[in-house]
């Protein structure tokens, strides 16, 4: 008996996996999708920032506009009354101070980067001055070795 079989084994040598067209296609798609994703994120971040700006402008307009309109109406009534009392002037002054305080509160809540303890103590003085109008007061802040400590970001919004 004679056997005519030969051992046959096929070896195929191909290029490296990162030198194939499929790899270049996948990398190109990833770069394109990453770029689109980045611009998509930036678009919606800018859109959200514009929404916040619009809401803030509306809030400022409504708050300050209401207070100023009320003050103007009170002044008009005082002009028509032909007699101005000190009490009426104090009410107008209080309303106008309220408008300024509302505007300060909005600006205070926006500027959360540079809130220092000295700024916070100054805000306490302003608030107490508004609450206790005409009353002498004093307070003591302890455990502050420096007035230049930065306060946490959430401090300005609360």
Foldseek 3Di string as FASTA:
>chain_A
DDDDDDDDDDDDDDDDPCPDPVNVVVVVVVVVVVVVVVVVVVVVVVVVVVVVVVVLVVVLCVLLVVLVVVLVVLVVVCVVVVDDDVVSVVVSVLSVVVNVVVVVLSVLLVPLPQDWQVNVVVVVVSVVCSVVPPDDDDDDDPPDPDRRDRDDSCVSVD
